[in-house]
Amino acid sequence: MGPSPSAREVQPAPDATIALLDGTIARARGSALYRERLAGTRIRTLDDLRALPLTTRADLQAAGTHGTRALPLEQVCHYGESSGTSGASNSTWLTAGDFLRDARAIRASHPGVFAPGRIILNRYPFMAAPAHILQLVAQDGGGVSIPAGNINWDVPFPRALDLACRTGAHVIAGLPLEPIILGEVAKAQGIDTAGLGVDALFLGGSPLPPAMQRRMARAWGARVIELYGSTETMLLGTSCAAGTLHVETSLAYCEVLDQRRDAPVEPGATGRLVITTIGVDGSPLVRFETGDVVRHLPPCTCGDARPGIVVLGRAAEAIEIAGRTLYPYDLVDAGAAAADAVDSSIFFVVVLPDRLLVRIEARGADDAAPRAELAARLPGVATEVELVEPGMLVDVELLGRSPHVYKPVVVSDWRRPGRRILTVGEGMIEWPRPTWAEGRRWLSRTVRTARRRRRLARGVALAPTEGR
């Protein structure tokens, strides 16, 4: 089995690392994916590991739903699937120990954030493992969790904000846009997020560059902690007080390989992230090519000896423009900085054949400051700034119009006051009816967005194909 749930503190010594990797190989042979591929394989040196073939996403797809499962069903407690952003979904089977190791690693890294009595607004979607890990963090003594996954009709953004206010939440956990959207909802209600008492934002799921972190930290008066991992690998790391994302070496062995050949990159270089899981028993993976591009960082000032990395995003999502390769990290960082220059958190980046269009919600602002910010961050790249009215990129009214979800009923007494329903569907869900004014505003925004989309589409159609 994997290391004990309490294993963590420092980067394992080389001999300990070899033993952990050899244990992963032994467990992985229990799955159909690796049964023949790793037959007779032992890890005596790191060169033995590097001699093994990479495991690709195509390999996981070919293995099928149960192909990565290395244990009998009686020994697993959770099934998960990746979101499919890189193509088809991949399957993962996890044990109770897999979850507990991640939960205790998070608590060990952030004992002041996750402590008894601390209230955590858990906005991670519950098909994703982080939602369950944070529930376990609380159950293991790390606080009080409010299970309010954001893909949930019964907990729309306004209700999530209300829960944070009424309970006195200390931590908001979720996808990186979560605090931004909640901040817009709060602004519409006249609430100052910096005065709510939230002191930590625990965010993961997509690149979280410095400009976005700084904006959220100021808006909420809170520390931003980056969470990194994947459905296939589980927890891979969190960021320290200095802002460095450290690899959780007790749970995974990390390789950063050249983007064109399967060789390690030089320190400080950028490359493909390859992971061999150490802390996963249910679906262990050996030299799994995550599809993410990362950059090695120099030793961190916090004193943690574990490797530090910057996650730039999926290799498949990189764009080539003006002779440069830009990753999601670069685009989000530039967009967030441009928006912050006009005191806004809401932006959207459109990649066009000849330029980047950055749309920013800002009333009564001038575009000089965001244009200068983009020029400084993306030298040589043609950019355009479009300032739009509040509500054009994030419709706060629409966010509050989630249906009301009820316990299913099959009896409706029309003699009593209240809803008079006729079907099971009506008894389960009540859809909001927009007012005339709300409908008119929604239609106006939709028409303006459609017109802008058509103008941009015509420009793309007329643009030369060379260099795309």
Protein backbone atom coordinates (compact mmCIF):
# COMPACT_ATOMS: atom_id res chain seq x y z
CA MET A 1 0.00 0.00 0.00
CA GLY A 2 0.98 3.68 -0.22
CA PRO A 3 2.65 5.67 2.53
CA SER A 4 0.81 6.16 5.79
CA PRO A 5 -1.66 9.08 5.84
CA SER A 6 0.65 11.02 8.14
CA ALA A 7 3.65 10.83 5.79
CA ARG A 8 4.61 14.31 4.63
CA GLU A 9 7.00 16.73 6.25
CA VAL A 10 10.06 16.93 3.97
CA GLN A 11 11.19 15.76 0.59
CA PRO A 12 12.05 12.05 0.86
CA ALA A 13 15.74 11.11 0.81
CA PRO A 14 16.82 9.36 -2.43
CA ASP A 15 16.72 5.86 -0.92
CA ALA A 16 13.25 6.53 0.49
CA THR A 17 12.11 7.85 -2.90
CA ILE A 18 13.33 4.69 -4.63
CA ALA A 19 11.43 2.52 -2.17
CA LEU A 20 8.24 4.54 -2.65
CA LEU A 21 8.52 4.35 -6.45
CA ASP A 22 9.15 0.60 -6.31
CA GLY A 23 6.02 0.28 -4.19
CA THR A 24 4.03 2.21 -6.81
CA ILE A 25 5.23 -0.20 -9.50
CA ALA A 26 4.14 -3.18 -7.43
CA ARG A 27 0.67 -1.71 -6.82
CA ALA A 28 0.25 -0.59 -10.43
CA ARG A 29 0.74 -4.18 -11.67
CA GLY A 30 -2.65 -4.92 -10.13
CA SER A 31 -4.35 -2.96 -12.95
CA ALA A 32 -5.06 -4.14 -16.47
CA LEU A 33 -3.21 -1.07 -17.76
CA TYR A 34 0.13 -2.10 -16.26
CA ARG A 35 -0.16 -5.84 -15.69
CA GLU A 36 1.94 -6.76 -18.73
CA ARG A 37 3.73 -3.45 -19.24
CA LEU A 38 5.38 -3.61 -15.81
CA ALA A 39 5.72 -7.38 -15.44
CA GLY A 40 8.97 -8.15 -13.60
CA THR A 41 9.86 -4.44 -13.28
CA ARG A 42 11.69 -3.22 -10.15
CA ILE A 43 12.96 0.26 -9.35
CA ARG A 44 16.49 0.15 -7.92
CA THR A 45 17.64 3.55 -9.25
CA LEU A 46 15.95 6.56 -10.80
CA ASP A 47 17.36 5.43 -14.15
CA ASP A 48 15.16 2.33 -13.87
CA LEU A 49 12.11 4.59 -13.64
CA ARG A 50 13.25 6.83 -16.51
CA ALA A 51 13.67 3.77 -18.72
CA LEU A 52 9.96 3.00 -18.48
CA PRO A 53 7.61 4.23 -21.23
CA LEU A 54 5.39 7.23 -20.59
CA THR A 55 1.72 6.67 -19.82
CA THR A 56 -0.38 8.87 -22.09
CA ARG A 57 -4.00 9.93 -21.95
CA ALA A 58 -4.54 7.71 -24.97
CA ASP A 59 -3.31 4.77 -22.86
CA LEU A 60 -5.90 5.59 -20.20
CA GLN A 61 -8.63 5.75 -22.82
CA ALA A 62 -7.59 2.43 -24.31
CA ALA A 63 -7.61 0.84 -20.84
CA GLY A 64 -11.30 1.65 -20.40
CA THR A 65 -13.33 2.48 -17.32
CA HIS A 66 -11.90 -0.24 -15.06
CA GLY A 67 -8.47 -0.46 -16.71
CA THR A 68 -6.61 1.72 -14.20
CA ARG A 69 -8.20 0.11 -11.13
CA ALA A 70 -5.49 -1.82 -9.27
CA LEU A 71 -7.62 -3.11 -6.38
CA PRO A 72 -10.83 -5.14 -6.04
CA LEU A 73 -13.99 -3.04 -5.88
CA GLU A 74 -14.39 -4.05 -2.24
CA GLN A 75 -11.31 -1.97 -1.40
CA VAL A 76 -12.22 1.27 -3.20
CA CYS A 77 -14.72 3.90 -2.08
CA HIS A 78 -14.85 6.49 -4.86
CA TYR A 79 -15.10 6.68 -8.64
CA GLY A 80 -14.23 9.88 -10.48
CA GLU A 81 -13.87 11.13 -14.02
CA SER A 82 -11.82 13.97 -15.40
CA SER A 83 -13.76 16.89 -16.82
CA GLY A 84 -12.83 16.07 -20.41
CA THR A 85 -11.24 19.46 -21.14
CA SER A 86 -8.41 17.71 -22.97
CA GLY A 87 -10.70 15.35 -24.88
CA ALA A 88 -12.46 12.29 -23.52
CA SER A 89 -12.82 11.73 -19.77
CA ASN A 90 -10.47 9.44 -17.85
CA SER A 91 -11.55 7.16 -15.01
CA THR A 92 -10.06 7.02 -11.52
CA TRP A 93 -10.78 4.66 -8.61
CA LEU A 94 -9.76 5.78 -5.13
CA THR A 95 -9.55 4.35 -1.64
CA ALA A 96 -10.33 5.98 1.69
CA GLY A 97 -6.58 6.09 2.32
CA ASP A 98 -6.00 7.97 -0.94
CA PHE A 99 -8.31 10.75 0.24
CA LEU A 100 -6.96 10.79 3.80
CA ARG A 101 -3.36 11.18 2.63
CA ASP A 102 -4.30 14.24 0.57
CA ALA A 103 -6.40 15.76 3.35
CA ARG A 104 -3.62 15.38 5.91
CA ALA A 105 -1.00 16.73 3.52
CA ILE A 106 -3.11 19.87 3.02
CA ARG A 107 -3.59 20.30 6.77
CA ALA A 108 0.12 19.76 7.42
CA SER A 109 1.05 22.43 4.87
CA HIS A 110 -1.54 24.94 6.13
CA PRO A 111 -2.22 24.29 9.81
CA GLY A 112 -3.39 27.86 10.47
CA VAL A 113 -5.80 27.88 7.53
CA PHE A 114 -7.39 24.51 8.28
CA ALA A 115 -7.80 24.29 12.04
CA PRO A 116 -10.59 23.46 14.50
CA GLY A 117 -13.35 26.05 14.42
CA ARG A 118 -12.38 27.46 11.02
CA ILE A 119 -15.35 27.64 8.61
CA ILE A 120 -14.72 26.58 5.00
CA LEU A 121 -17.14 27.50 2.21
CA ASN A 122 -16.48 24.51 -0.05
CA ARG A 123 -17.46 25.59 -3.58
CA TYR A 124 -15.62 22.86 -5.48
CA PRO A 125 -18.00 20.84 -7.68
CA PHE A 126 -18.67 17.52 -6.00
CA MET A 127 -17.85 15.39 -9.05
CA ALA A 128 -14.28 16.61 -8.47
CA ALA A 129 -12.02 15.14 -5.79
CA PRO A 130 -11.06 18.46 -4.10
CA ALA A 131 -14.62 18.88 -2.82
CA HIS A 132 -14.43 15.53 -1.02
CA ILE A 133 -10.88 16.14 0.20
CA LEU A 134 -11.93 19.40 1.86
CA GLN A 135 -14.89 17.67 3.50
CA LEU A 136 -12.41 15.17 4.90
CA VAL A 137 -10.04 17.95 5.99
CA ALA A 138 -12.86 19.26 8.18
CA GLN A 139 -13.90 15.80 9.40
CA ASP A 140 -10.28 15.10 10.36
CA GLY A 141 -10.15 18.16 12.59
CA GLY A 142 -9.35 20.91 10.06
CA GLY A 143 -12.47 23.01 10.48
CA VAL A 144 -16.17 23.16 9.60
CA SER A 145 -17.05 22.60 5.95
CA ILE A 146 -20.11 24.01 4.18
CA PRO A 147 -20.73 21.67 1.22
CA ALA A 148 -21.87 24.23 -1.35
CA GLY A 149 -20.53 22.96 -4.68
CA ASN A 150 -20.96 25.60 -7.38
CA ILE A 151 -22.50 23.26 -9.96
CA ASN A 152 -25.58 23.00 -7.83
CA TRP A 153 -28.96 24.59 -8.52
CA ASP A 154 -29.72 24.69 -4.82
CA VAL A 155 -26.63 26.76 -3.96
CA PRO A 156 -26.37 29.53 -6.58
CA PHE A 157 -23.85 32.32 -6.13
CA PRO A 158 -26.14 34.63 -4.11
CA ARG A 159 -26.93 31.85 -1.64
CA ALA A 160 -23.23 30.92 -1.40
CA LEU A 161 -22.38 34.53 -0.54
CA ASP A 162 -25.20 34.58 2.02
CA LEU A 163 -23.85 31.38 3.60
CA ALA A 164 -20.39 32.92 3.87
CA CYS A 165 -21.83 36.05 5.49
CA ARG A 166 -24.19 34.31 7.93
CA THR A 167 -21.74 31.67 9.10
CA GLY A 168 -18.68 33.92 9.27
CA ALA A 169 -16.67 31.83 6.81
CA HIS A 170 -12.90 32.09 7.10
CA VAL A 171 -11.95 30.19 3.93
CA ILE A 172 -13.47 30.15 0.44
CA ALA A 173 -12.38 27.10 -1.54
CA GLY A 174 -13.15 26.60 -5.20
CA LEU A 175 -12.20 27.29 -8.79
CA PRO A 176 -10.14 30.45 -9.43
CA LEU A 177 -13.09 32.49 -10.72
CA GLU A 178 -15.15 31.77 -7.60
CA PRO A 179 -14.02 34.75 -5.48
CA ILE A 180 -14.30 37.05 -8.50
CA ILE A 181 -17.91 36.09 -9.23
CA LEU A 182 -18.85 36.15 -5.55
CA GLY A 183 -17.22 39.57 -5.38
CA GLU A 184 -19.43 40.86 -8.17
CA VAL A 185 -22.52 39.48 -6.43
CA ALA A 186 -21.39 41.18 -3.22
CA LYS A 187 -20.82 44.48 -5.03
CA ALA A 188 -24.35 44.36 -6.45
CA GLN A 189 -25.64 43.92 -2.89
CA GLY A 190 -23.49 46.73 -1.49
CA ILE A 191 -21.28 44.32 0.49
CA ASP A 192 -17.56 45.00 0.99
CA THR A 193 -15.85 41.62 0.64
CA ALA A 194 -12.74 42.89 2.46
CA GLY A 195 -14.85 43.30 5.59
CA LEU A 196 -16.41 39.83 5.64
CA GLY A 197 -13.63 38.17 7.64
CA VAL A 198 -12.56 35.73 4.91
CA ASP A 199 -8.79 35.45 5.31
CA ALA A 200 -7.89 32.63 2.88
CA LEU A 201 -8.87 31.75 -0.68
CA PHE A 202 -7.97 28.12 -1.47
CA LEU A 203 -8.18 27.92 -5.25
CA GLY A 204 -7.33 25.41 -7.98
CA GLY A 205 -8.46 23.98 -11.28
CA SER A 206 -6.85 26.37 -13.78
CA PRO A 207 -3.81 28.65 -13.98
CA LEU A 208 -3.68 31.22 -11.18
CA PRO A 209 -1.08 33.82 -12.18
CA PRO A 210 0.18 36.61 -9.90
CA ALA A 211 -1.94 39.46 -11.31
CA MET A 212 -5.14 37.54 -10.61
CA GLN A 213 -3.93 36.50 -7.16
CA ARG A 214 -3.03 40.07 -6.19
CA ARG A 215 -6.42 41.41 -7.30
CA MET A 216 -8.34 38.79 -5.34
CA ALA A 217 -6.11 39.21 -2.28
CA ARG A 218 -6.84 42.95 -2.19
CA ALA A 219 -10.55 42.59 -2.87
CA TRP A 220 -11.06 40.06 -0.08
CA GLY A 221 -8.28 41.07 2.29
CA ALA A 222 -7.22 37.42 2.16
CA ARG A 223 -4.25 35.22 1.38
CA VAL A 224 -4.51 33.27 -1.87
CA ILE A 225 -3.36 29.63 -1.73
CA GLU A 226 -2.98 27.75 -5.00
CA LEU A 227 -4.05 24.11 -5.11
CA TYR A 228 -2.68 21.93 -7.90
CA GLY A 229 -3.53 18.39 -8.92
CA SER A 230 -5.67 16.43 -11.31
CA THR A 231 -8.37 13.79 -11.30
CA GLU A 232 -5.83 11.20 -12.44
CA THR A 233 -3.03 12.06 -9.98
CA MET A 234 -4.92 13.59 -7.02
CA LEU A 235 -3.05 16.24 -4.98
CA LEU A 236 0.23 17.42 -6.47
CA GLY A 237 0.96 20.55 -4.45
CA THR A 238 -0.11 23.78 -2.77
CA SER A 239 1.52 27.19 -2.51
CA CYS A 240 3.40 28.44 0.53
CA ALA A 241 3.22 31.83 2.27
CA ALA A 242 5.78 33.14 -0.23
CA GLY A 243 3.48 32.19 -3.11
CA THR A 244 5.56 29.29 -4.48
CA LEU A 245 3.68 26.18 -5.57
CA HIS A 246 5.58 23.29 -3.97
CA VAL A 247 5.28 19.72 -5.25
CA GLU A 248 3.89 17.35 -2.60
CA THR A 249 6.79 14.90 -2.80
CA SER A 250 5.27 12.47 -0.30
CA LEU A 251 2.42 11.90 -2.76
CA ALA A 252 4.00 12.15 -6.22
CA TYR A 253 7.32 11.97 -8.03
CA CYS A 254 7.68 14.76 -10.57
CA GLU A 255 9.68 14.83 -13.81
CA VAL A 256 9.86 17.85 -16.13
CA LEU A 257 10.77 16.73 -19.64
CA ASP A 258 11.80 18.64 -22.73
CA GLN A 259 8.86 19.47 -24.96
CA ARG A 260 10.39 17.77 -28.00
CA ARG A 261 12.20 14.80 -26.51
CA ASP A 262 11.89 12.62 -23.43
CA ALA A 263 14.82 14.10 -21.55
CA PRO A 264 14.87 16.16 -18.34
CA VAL A 265 15.03 19.93 -18.76
CA GLU A 266 17.69 22.11 -17.21
CA PRO A 267 16.85 23.75 -13.84
CA GLY A 268 14.67 26.80 -14.38
CA ALA A 269 13.52 25.65 -17.82
CA THR A 270 10.00 24.95 -19.06
CA GLY A 271 8.82 21.46 -19.92
CA ARG A 272 6.15 18.76 -19.82
CA LEU A 273 5.09 17.54 -16.40
CA VAL A 274 5.27 13.76 -15.91
CA ILE A 275 3.98 12.26 -12.66
CA THR A 276 4.41 8.92 -10.95
CA THR A 277 1.91 8.72 -8.12
CA ILE A 278 3.10 7.67 -4.68
CA GLY A 279 0.02 8.34 -2.59
CA VAL A 280 -2.62 6.66 -4.78
CA ASP A 281 -3.54 3.01 -4.22
CA GLY A 282 -6.79 2.76 -6.19
CA SER A 283 -5.50 3.83 -9.62
CA PRO A 284 -1.72 4.28 -9.41
CA LEU A 285 -0.04 5.80 -12.46
CA VAL A 286 3.56 5.41 -13.63
CA ARG A 287 5.21 8.21 -15.62
CA PHE A 288 1.87 9.75 -16.53
CA GLU A 289 2.17 12.59 -19.03
CA THR A 290 -0.25 15.10 -17.54
CA GLY A 291 -0.42 17.37 -20.59
CA ASP A 292 0.56 20.35 -18.42
CA VAL A 293 3.53 22.60 -19.09
CA VAL A 294 5.40 23.81 -16.01
CA ARG A 295 8.47 25.86 -15.19
CA HIS A 296 10.99 24.94 -12.50
CA LEU A 297 11.58 27.61 -9.85
CA PRO A 298 14.76 28.31 -7.85
CA PRO A 299 14.82 27.40 -4.14
CA CYS A 300 12.05 29.20 -2.29
CA THR A 301 12.68 31.89 0.33
CA CYS A 302 10.23 30.11 2.65
CA GLY A 303 12.88 27.44 3.30
CA ASP A 304 10.81 24.49 2.06
CA ALA A 305 13.21 22.14 0.25
CA ARG A 306 10.50 20.65 -1.95
CA PRO A 307 10.63 21.64 -5.66
CA GLY A 308 8.71 24.75 -6.69
CA ILE A 309 6.94 25.02 -10.03
CA VAL A 310 4.76 27.41 -12.03
CA VAL A 311 1.90 25.71 -13.89
CA LEU A 312 1.54 27.41 -17.26
CA GLY A 313 -1.43 25.33 -18.46
CA ARG A 314 -2.18 22.64 -20.98
CA ALA A 315 0.33 22.24 -23.81
CA ALA A 316 -2.61 21.80 -26.19
CA GLU A 317 -3.97 25.22 -25.19
CA ALA A 318 -0.78 27.16 -26.01
CA ILE A 319 -1.06 29.69 -28.83
CA GLU A 320 1.56 30.88 -31.29
CA ILE A 321 1.34 34.60 -32.00
CA ALA A 322 3.89 37.22 -33.09
CA GLY A 323 6.63 34.59 -32.91
CA ARG A 324 5.88 33.81 -29.28
CA THR A 325 4.33 30.87 -27.49
CA LEU A 326 1.77 31.98 -24.94
CA TYR A 327 0.17 29.66 -22.41
CA PRO A 328 -3.12 30.13 -20.53
CA TYR A 329 -1.08 31.43 -17.57
CA ASP A 330 0.33 34.26 -19.73
CA LEU A 331 -3.05 35.21 -21.17
CA VAL A 332 -4.83 35.22 -17.81
CA ASP A 333 -2.01 37.15 -16.14
CA ALA A 334 -2.07 39.84 -18.85
CA GLY A 335 -5.87 40.06 -18.87
CA ALA A 336 -6.10 40.31 -15.08
CA ALA A 337 -3.42 43.01 -14.96
CA ALA A 338 -5.13 45.01 -17.72
CA ALA A 339 -8.46 44.81 -15.90
CA ASP A 340 -6.86 45.75 -12.58
CA ALA A 341 -5.46 48.88 -14.24
CA VAL A 342 -9.06 50.20 -14.45
CA ASP A 343 -10.02 48.77 -11.04
CA SER A 344 -11.90 45.79 -12.50
CA SER A 345 -11.77 42.06 -11.87
CA ILE A 346 -13.86 41.06 -14.89
CA PHE A 347 -12.15 40.44 -18.21
CA PHE A 348 -12.27 38.05 -21.14
CA VAL A 349 -9.47 37.33 -23.64
CA VAL A 350 -10.29 36.56 -27.28
CA VAL A 351 -7.50 35.15 -29.46
CA LEU A 352 -7.86 36.46 -33.01
CA PRO A 353 -5.66 35.70 -36.03
CA ASP A 354 -3.78 39.00 -35.80
CA ARG A 355 -4.19 40.13 -32.18
CA LEU A 356 -5.48 39.50 -28.69
CA LEU A 357 -8.72 41.22 -27.79
CA VAL A 358 -9.11 41.86 -24.06
CA ARG A 359 -12.65 42.78 -23.06
CA ILE A 360 -12.98 44.42 -19.64
CA GLU A 361 -16.01 45.47 -17.64
CA ALA A 362 -15.39 49.07 -16.59
CA ARG A 363 -17.69 52.07 -16.41
CA GLY A 364 -16.37 55.51 -17.36
CA ALA A 365 -12.75 54.41 -17.70
CA ASP A 366 -10.10 55.17 -20.29
CA ASP A 367 -8.34 52.34 -22.09
CA ALA A 368 -4.85 53.90 -21.92
CA ALA A 369 -3.81 52.17 -18.68
CA PRO A 370 -4.88 48.64 -19.71
CA ARG A 371 -3.29 49.08 -23.13
CA ALA A 372 -0.03 50.07 -21.48
CA GLU A 373 -0.24 47.09 -19.14
CA LEU A 374 -0.73 44.67 -22.03
CA ALA A 375 2.15 46.22 -23.99
CA ALA A 376 4.45 45.80 -21.00
CA ARG A 377 3.47 42.19 -20.38
CA LEU A 378 3.19 41.03 -23.99
CA PRO A 379 5.81 43.01 -25.93
CA GLY A 380 5.55 42.57 -29.67
CA VAL A 381 2.05 41.07 -29.49
CA ALA A 382 -0.75 43.10 -31.06
CA THR A 383 -3.49 43.70 -28.51
CA GLU A 384 -6.81 45.52 -28.41
CA VAL A 385 -8.73 46.63 -25.34
CA GLU A 386 -12.51 46.84 -25.38
CA LEU A 387 -14.16 48.39 -22.32
CA VAL A 388 -17.75 47.28 -21.89
CA GLU A 389 -20.50 48.14 -19.45
CA PRO A 390 -20.85 46.23 -16.18
CA GLY A 391 -23.03 43.18 -16.71
CA MET A 392 -21.85 42.52 -20.26
CA LEU A 393 -19.33 39.84 -19.27
CA VAL A 394 -20.87 38.66 -15.98
CA ASP A 395 -24.64 39.01 -15.63
CA VAL A 396 -25.11 39.12 -11.86
CA GLU A 397 -28.89 39.15 -12.21
CA LEU A 398 -28.81 35.92 -14.20
CA LEU A 399 -26.56 34.28 -11.58
CA GLY A 400 -29.32 34.80 -9.04
CA ARG A 401 -32.01 33.19 -11.15
CA SER A 402 -31.23 29.54 -10.46
CA PRO A 403 -34.31 27.36 -10.04
CA HIS A 404 -35.60 26.54 -6.58
CA VAL A 405 -35.09 22.84 -5.92
CA TYR A 406 -37.52 20.94 -3.67
CA LYS A 407 -37.70 17.47 -2.22
CA PRO A 408 -39.64 15.37 -4.78
CA VAL A 409 -43.37 15.16 -4.03
CA VAL A 410 -46.27 13.36 -5.67
CA VAL A 411 -49.10 15.04 -3.70
CA SER A 412 -50.25 18.67 -3.99
CA ASP A 413 -53.09 19.94 -1.76
CA TRP A 414 -54.69 22.84 -3.60
CA ARG A 415 -56.87 23.63 -0.60
CA ARG A 416 -53.84 25.07 1.19
CA PRO A 417 -52.02 28.29 0.32
CA GLY A 418 -48.89 28.01 -1.76
CA ARG A 419 -47.93 26.34 -5.01
CA ARG A 420 -50.48 24.40 -6.97
CA ILE A 421 -48.56 21.80 -8.92
CA LEU A 422 -49.71 19.17 -11.36
CA THR A 423 -46.60 17.16 -12.22
CA VAL A 424 -43.65 15.47 -10.53
CA GLY A 425 -41.33 17.83 -12.40
CA GLU A 426 -43.09 20.89 -11.00
CA GLY A 427 -42.86 19.38 -7.55
CA MET A 428 -39.08 19.05 -7.85
CA ILE A 429 -38.08 22.30 -9.55
CA GLU A 430 -39.58 25.78 -9.73
CA TRP A 431 -38.08 27.90 -12.49
CA PRO A 432 -37.95 31.65 -11.82
CA ARG A 433 -40.10 33.91 -13.97
CA PRO A 434 -38.14 36.99 -15.07
CA THR A 435 -39.76 40.39 -14.77
CA TRP A 436 -40.30 42.50 -17.88
CA ALA A 437 -37.36 44.77 -16.93
CA GLU A 438 -35.04 41.81 -16.31
CA GLY A 439 -36.04 40.25 -19.62
CA ARG A 440 -35.43 43.49 -21.45
CA ARG A 441 -31.94 43.92 -19.94
CA TRP A 442 -31.05 40.31 -20.73
CA LEU A 443 -32.25 40.69 -24.33
CA SER A 444 -30.28 43.93 -24.76
CA ARG A 445 -27.05 42.34 -23.51
CA THR A 446 -27.61 39.27 -25.68
CA VAL A 447 -28.20 41.35 -28.82
CA ARG A 448 -25.09 43.49 -28.21
CA THR A 449 -22.94 40.44 -27.61
CA ALA A 450 -24.31 38.78 -30.78
CA ARG A 451 -23.50 41.89 -32.83
CA ARG A 452 -19.94 42.00 -31.48
CA ARG A 453 -19.53 38.27 -32.20
CA ARG A 454 -20.66 38.78 -35.82
CA ARG A 455 -18.25 41.69 -36.34
CA LEU A 456 -15.34 39.67 -34.96
CA ALA A 457 -16.33 36.62 -37.02
CA ARG A 458 -16.33 38.70 -40.20
CA GLY A 459 -12.86 39.96 -39.33
CA VAL A 460 -11.59 36.42 -38.74
CA ALA A 461 -13.06 35.26 -42.06
CA LEU A 462 -11.31 38.09 -43.92
CA ALA A 463 -7.96 37.73 -42.12
CA PRO A 464 -5.08 36.09 -44.05
CA THR A 465 -4.50 32.45 -43.13
CA GLU A 466 -0.70 32.79 -42.99
CA GLY A 467 0.68 32.53 -39.48
CA ARG A 468 -2.43 31.08 -37.85
